[in-house]
N, C-alpha and C. Protein backbone atom coordinates (compact mmCIF):
# COMPACT_ATOMS: atom_id res chain seq x y z
N UNK A 1 -67.73 -1.05 -8.15
CA UNK A 1 -66.41 -1.58 -8.38
C UNK A 1 -65.89 -2.16 -7.07
N UNK A 2 -65.36 -3.35 -7.10
CA UNK A 2 -64.81 -3.98 -5.91
C UNK A 2 -63.49 -3.33 -5.53
N UNK A 3 -63.22 -3.34 -4.26
CA UNK A 3 -61.94 -2.79 -3.78
C UNK A 3 -60.82 -3.75 -4.15
N UNK A 4 -59.64 -3.22 -4.46
CA UNK A 4 -58.51 -4.09 -4.78
C UNK A 4 -58.18 -5.02 -3.62
N UNK A 5 -57.85 -6.26 -3.93
CA UNK A 5 -57.58 -7.25 -2.91
C UNK A 5 -56.10 -7.36 -2.55
N UNK A 6 -55.21 -6.87 -3.44
CA UNK A 6 -53.78 -6.95 -3.17
C UNK A 6 -53.06 -5.82 -3.90
N UNK A 7 -51.77 -5.75 -3.72
CA UNK A 7 -51.02 -4.64 -4.29
C UNK A 7 -51.03 -4.65 -5.82
N UNK A 8 -51.12 -5.81 -6.44
CA UNK A 8 -51.16 -5.87 -7.91
C UNK A 8 -52.47 -5.28 -8.43
N UNK A 9 -53.56 -5.64 -7.81
CA UNK A 9 -54.86 -5.09 -8.22
C UNK A 9 -54.92 -3.59 -7.97
N UNK A 10 -54.35 -3.13 -6.86
CA UNK A 10 -54.32 -1.71 -6.56
C UNK A 10 -53.49 -0.97 -7.61
N UNK A 11 -52.32 -1.53 -7.95
CA UNK A 11 -51.48 -0.92 -8.98
C UNK A 11 -52.24 -0.84 -10.31
N UNK A 12 -52.88 -1.94 -10.71
CA UNK A 12 -53.61 -1.96 -11.97
C UNK A 12 -54.75 -0.95 -11.98
N UNK A 13 -55.44 -0.81 -10.85
CA UNK A 13 -56.52 0.17 -10.75
C UNK A 13 -55.98 1.58 -10.91
N UNK A 14 -54.93 1.91 -10.17
CA UNK A 14 -54.34 3.25 -10.25
C UNK A 14 -53.79 3.53 -11.65
N UNK A 15 -53.15 2.54 -12.24
CA UNK A 15 -52.59 2.70 -13.58
C UNK A 15 -53.71 2.95 -14.59
N UNK A 16 -54.77 2.21 -14.49
CA UNK A 16 -55.91 2.37 -15.40
C UNK A 16 -56.55 3.74 -15.23
N UNK A 17 -56.72 4.19 -14.00
CA UNK A 17 -57.32 5.50 -13.76
C UNK A 17 -56.43 6.61 -14.32
N UNK A 18 -55.13 6.51 -14.08
CA UNK A 18 -54.20 7.52 -14.60
C UNK A 18 -54.20 7.52 -16.13
N UNK A 19 -54.22 6.34 -16.72
CA UNK A 19 -54.25 6.22 -18.18
C UNK A 19 -55.48 6.91 -18.76
N UNK A 20 -56.62 6.70 -18.14
CA UNK A 20 -57.86 7.32 -18.62
C UNK A 20 -57.82 8.84 -18.49
N UNK A 21 -57.24 9.33 -17.42
CA UNK A 21 -57.12 10.78 -17.24
C UNK A 21 -56.22 11.37 -18.30
N UNK A 22 -55.10 10.71 -18.58
CA UNK A 22 -54.18 11.20 -19.62
C UNK A 22 -54.88 11.20 -20.98
N UNK A 23 -55.66 10.18 -21.27
CA UNK A 23 -56.41 10.12 -22.53
C UNK A 23 -57.37 11.30 -22.64
N UNK A 24 -58.04 11.63 -21.54
CA UNK A 24 -58.96 12.77 -21.55
C UNK A 24 -58.21 14.07 -21.78
N UNK A 25 -57.04 14.22 -21.14
CA UNK A 25 -56.25 15.43 -21.32
C UNK A 25 -55.84 15.59 -22.78
N UNK A 26 -55.39 14.51 -23.40
CA UNK A 26 -55.03 14.59 -24.81
C UNK A 26 -56.25 14.93 -25.67
N UNK A 27 -57.41 14.40 -25.31
CA UNK A 27 -58.63 14.73 -26.05
C UNK A 27 -58.96 16.21 -25.99
N UNK A 28 -58.82 16.79 -24.80
CA UNK A 28 -59.08 18.23 -24.64
C UNK A 28 -58.06 19.03 -25.45
N UNK A 29 -56.79 18.64 -25.38
CA UNK A 29 -55.75 19.37 -26.12
C UNK A 29 -55.98 19.28 -27.63
N UNK A 30 -56.35 18.10 -28.12
CA UNK A 30 -56.59 17.94 -29.57
C UNK A 30 -57.80 18.73 -30.02
N UNK A 31 -58.78 18.85 -29.13
CA UNK A 31 -59.98 19.62 -29.48
C UNK A 31 -59.66 21.10 -29.57
N UNK A 32 -58.79 21.58 -28.69
CA UNK A 32 -58.45 22.99 -28.65
C UNK A 32 -57.45 23.39 -29.72
N UNK A 33 -56.46 22.53 -30.00
CA UNK A 33 -55.36 22.87 -30.91
C UNK A 33 -55.35 21.92 -32.09
N UNK A 34 -55.77 22.41 -33.23
CA UNK A 34 -55.87 21.55 -34.42
C UNK A 34 -54.52 21.01 -34.87
N UNK A 35 -53.43 21.71 -34.55
CA UNK A 35 -52.11 21.23 -34.96
C UNK A 35 -51.80 19.86 -34.34
N UNK A 36 -52.43 19.55 -33.22
CA UNK A 36 -52.20 18.26 -32.57
C UNK A 36 -52.99 17.13 -33.23
N UNK A 37 -53.98 17.48 -34.05
CA UNK A 37 -54.78 16.47 -34.74
C UNK A 37 -54.21 16.11 -36.11
N UNK A 38 -53.38 16.97 -36.64
CA UNK A 38 -52.91 16.81 -38.01
C UNK A 38 -51.54 16.13 -38.06
N UNK A 39 -51.30 15.44 -39.15
CA UNK A 39 -49.98 14.91 -39.41
C UNK A 39 -49.11 16.05 -39.90
N UNK A 40 -47.88 16.11 -39.44
CA UNK A 40 -47.00 17.19 -39.90
C UNK A 40 -45.63 16.63 -40.23
N UNK A 41 -44.85 17.44 -40.89
CA UNK A 41 -43.52 17.03 -41.33
C UNK A 41 -42.41 17.69 -40.51
N UNK A 42 -42.75 18.21 -39.34
CA UNK A 42 -41.75 18.86 -38.51
C UNK A 42 -40.80 17.83 -37.91
N UNK A 43 -39.56 18.23 -37.65
CA UNK A 43 -38.64 17.31 -36.96
C UNK A 43 -39.19 16.95 -35.57
N UNK A 44 -38.75 15.84 -35.02
CA UNK A 44 -39.25 15.35 -33.73
C UNK A 44 -39.06 16.40 -32.63
N UNK A 45 -37.92 17.07 -32.59
CA UNK A 45 -37.68 18.08 -31.56
C UNK A 45 -38.70 19.21 -31.66
N UNK A 46 -39.03 19.62 -32.87
CA UNK A 46 -40.03 20.68 -33.07
C UNK A 46 -41.40 20.19 -32.64
N UNK A 47 -41.73 18.95 -32.96
CA UNK A 47 -43.03 18.40 -32.54
C UNK A 47 -43.15 18.39 -31.02
N UNK A 48 -42.08 18.04 -30.33
CA UNK A 48 -42.11 18.05 -28.86
C UNK A 48 -42.34 19.47 -28.35
N UNK A 49 -41.72 20.44 -29.00
CA UNK A 49 -41.90 21.83 -28.58
C UNK A 49 -43.33 22.30 -28.85
N UNK A 50 -43.93 21.82 -29.92
CA UNK A 50 -45.33 22.18 -30.23
C UNK A 50 -46.25 21.70 -29.12
N UNK A 51 -46.05 20.46 -28.69
CA UNK A 51 -46.89 19.90 -27.62
C UNK A 51 -46.71 20.72 -26.35
N UNK A 52 -45.48 21.04 -26.01
CA UNK A 52 -45.22 21.84 -24.81
C UNK A 52 -45.85 23.23 -24.93
N UNK A 53 -45.71 23.85 -26.10
CA UNK A 53 -46.28 25.19 -26.32
C UNK A 53 -47.80 25.15 -26.19
N UNK A 54 -48.42 24.10 -26.69
CA UNK A 54 -49.87 23.96 -26.56
C UNK A 54 -50.26 23.83 -25.09
N UNK A 55 -49.48 23.08 -24.32
CA UNK A 55 -49.76 22.93 -22.89
C UNK A 55 -49.64 24.25 -22.15
N UNK A 56 -48.59 24.99 -22.45
CA UNK A 56 -48.39 26.29 -21.81
C UNK A 56 -49.52 27.24 -22.19
N UNK A 57 -49.87 27.25 -23.47
CA UNK A 57 -50.95 28.13 -23.94
C UNK A 57 -52.27 27.75 -23.27
N UNK A 58 -52.55 26.46 -23.19
CA UNK A 58 -53.77 25.99 -22.54
C UNK A 58 -53.81 26.47 -21.08
N UNK A 59 -52.70 26.30 -20.36
CA UNK A 59 -52.65 26.72 -18.95
C UNK A 59 -52.80 28.23 -18.81
N UNK A 60 -52.23 28.99 -19.74
CA UNK A 60 -52.37 30.44 -19.73
C UNK A 60 -53.84 30.83 -19.91
N UNK A 61 -54.49 30.21 -20.88
CA UNK A 61 -55.91 30.49 -21.14
C UNK A 61 -56.73 30.14 -19.90
N UNK A 62 -56.46 28.99 -19.29
CA UNK A 62 -57.20 28.56 -18.10
C UNK A 62 -57.01 29.53 -16.94
N UNK A 63 -55.81 30.10 -16.83
CA UNK A 63 -55.53 31.04 -15.75
C UNK A 63 -56.29 32.34 -15.92
N UNK A 64 -56.29 32.88 -17.15
CA UNK A 64 -56.84 34.20 -17.37
C UNK A 64 -58.27 34.20 -17.91
N UNK A 65 -58.77 33.06 -18.35
CA UNK A 65 -60.16 32.95 -18.79
C UNK A 65 -60.68 31.56 -18.48
N UNK A 66 -60.94 31.26 -17.20
CA UNK A 66 -61.33 29.91 -16.80
C UNK A 66 -62.63 29.42 -17.45
N UNK A 67 -63.45 30.33 -17.97
CA UNK A 67 -64.70 29.92 -18.61
C UNK A 67 -64.47 29.39 -20.03
N UNK A 68 -63.30 29.65 -20.60
CA UNK A 68 -62.99 29.20 -21.96
C UNK A 68 -62.38 27.81 -21.89
N UNK A 69 -63.24 26.82 -21.81
CA UNK A 69 -62.76 25.44 -21.68
C UNK A 69 -63.54 24.55 -22.62
N UNK A 70 -62.83 23.80 -23.49
CA UNK A 70 -63.55 22.85 -24.34
C UNK A 70 -64.21 21.76 -23.49
N UNK A 71 -65.26 21.20 -24.03
CA UNK A 71 -65.92 20.10 -23.34
C UNK A 71 -64.96 18.92 -23.22
N UNK A 72 -65.00 18.20 -22.10
CA UNK A 72 -64.13 17.03 -21.97
C UNK A 72 -64.44 16.01 -23.05
N UNK A 73 -63.42 15.33 -23.50
CA UNK A 73 -63.57 14.32 -24.53
C UNK A 73 -63.42 12.97 -23.87
N UNK A 74 -64.40 12.12 -24.06
CA UNK A 74 -64.35 10.79 -23.47
C UNK A 74 -63.49 9.89 -24.36
N UNK A 75 -62.54 9.17 -23.78
CA UNK A 75 -61.74 8.24 -24.57
C UNK A 75 -62.64 7.21 -25.22
N UNK A 76 -62.31 6.86 -26.44
CA UNK A 76 -63.14 5.94 -27.21
C UNK A 76 -63.19 4.56 -26.55
N UNK A 77 -64.39 4.06 -26.38
CA UNK A 77 -64.57 2.71 -25.86
C UNK A 77 -64.33 2.55 -24.37
N UNK A 78 -64.23 3.66 -23.63
CA UNK A 78 -63.98 3.56 -22.20
C UNK A 78 -65.17 4.14 -21.46
N UNK A 79 -65.68 3.39 -20.53
CA UNK A 79 -66.82 3.83 -19.75
C UNK A 79 -66.41 4.93 -18.78
N UNK A 80 -67.21 6.01 -18.67
CA UNK A 80 -66.88 7.08 -17.72
C UNK A 80 -66.73 6.56 -16.29
N UNK A 81 -67.38 5.47 -15.95
CA UNK A 81 -67.29 4.94 -14.60
C UNK A 81 -65.86 4.50 -14.27
N UNK A 82 -65.06 4.20 -15.28
CA UNK A 82 -63.71 3.73 -15.03
C UNK A 82 -62.75 4.83 -14.60
N UNK A 83 -63.06 6.08 -14.90
CA UNK A 83 -62.12 7.13 -14.51
C UNK A 83 -62.72 8.09 -13.50
N UNK A 84 -63.69 7.65 -12.76
CA UNK A 84 -64.19 8.46 -11.66
C UNK A 84 -63.50 8.00 -10.40
N UNK A 85 -63.46 8.86 -9.42
CA UNK A 85 -62.86 8.48 -8.16
C UNK A 85 -61.61 9.28 -7.89
N UNK A 86 -61.05 9.01 -6.76
CA UNK A 86 -59.89 9.73 -6.29
C UNK A 86 -58.65 8.87 -6.48
N UNK A 87 -57.70 9.37 -7.25
CA UNK A 87 -56.49 8.60 -7.49
C UNK A 87 -55.69 8.38 -6.22
N UNK A 88 -55.81 9.27 -5.27
CA UNK A 88 -55.04 9.14 -4.04
C UNK A 88 -55.77 8.38 -2.95
N UNK A 89 -56.94 7.84 -3.26
CA UNK A 89 -57.73 7.16 -2.23
C UNK A 89 -57.09 5.82 -1.88
N UNK A 90 -57.37 5.38 -0.71
CA UNK A 90 -56.85 4.09 -0.27
C UNK A 90 -55.53 4.27 0.45
N UNK A 91 -55.17 3.26 1.19
CA UNK A 91 -53.91 3.35 1.92
C UNK A 91 -53.02 2.19 1.52
N UNK A 92 -51.75 2.47 1.48
CA UNK A 92 -50.76 1.46 1.17
C UNK A 92 -49.84 1.38 2.37
N UNK A 93 -49.76 0.21 2.95
CA UNK A 93 -48.96 0.04 4.16
C UNK A 93 -47.47 0.00 3.88
N UNK A 94 -46.67 0.10 4.93
CA UNK A 94 -45.22 0.10 4.77
C UNK A 94 -44.69 -1.20 4.16
N UNK A 95 -45.31 -2.33 4.50
CA UNK A 95 -44.87 -3.61 3.92
C UNK A 95 -45.09 -3.61 2.41
N UNK A 96 -46.24 -3.13 1.99
CA UNK A 96 -46.55 -3.09 0.56
C UNK A 96 -45.61 -2.13 -0.17
N UNK A 97 -45.32 -0.99 0.45
CA UNK A 97 -44.39 -0.03 -0.14
C UNK A 97 -43.01 -0.65 -0.30
N UNK A 98 -42.54 -1.34 0.72
CA UNK A 98 -41.23 -1.99 0.68
C UNK A 98 -41.20 -3.06 -0.40
N UNK A 99 -42.23 -3.88 -0.47
CA UNK A 99 -42.31 -4.94 -1.46
C UNK A 99 -42.32 -4.35 -2.88
N UNK A 100 -43.06 -3.28 -3.08
CA UNK A 100 -43.12 -2.65 -4.40
C UNK A 100 -41.77 -2.04 -4.77
N UNK A 101 -41.08 -1.44 -3.80
CA UNK A 101 -39.76 -0.85 -4.05
C UNK A 101 -38.76 -1.92 -4.45
N UNK A 102 -38.79 -3.06 -3.75
CA UNK A 102 -37.88 -4.17 -4.09
C UNK A 102 -38.18 -4.70 -5.49
N UNK A 103 -39.45 -4.81 -5.83
CA UNK A 103 -39.83 -5.34 -7.14
C UNK A 103 -39.39 -4.41 -8.26
N UNK A 104 -39.49 -3.07 -8.02
CA UNK A 104 -39.04 -2.11 -9.03
C UNK A 104 -37.55 -2.21 -9.20
């Protein structure tokens, strides 16, 4: 993979990597908790609480039984090469930071 040539390419790379990681996290959660795979008739507030409860439960299990981990789920149609690497890698200079802040 070529290194980003400017701040837009760097942003797109970081955004894509983060997106792929989030997709994998949802895949793991759906594999572990069937309630996340099914359609339900709960109110939106209850659905949000279900997702949070699943996250807390997952973290609890990981803390007290780290060997109990579902296999990672690869996002459909995405090459594993796209989400490897360090999200914090690379340096962003003060000029680029200032320019990005102004644009936001």
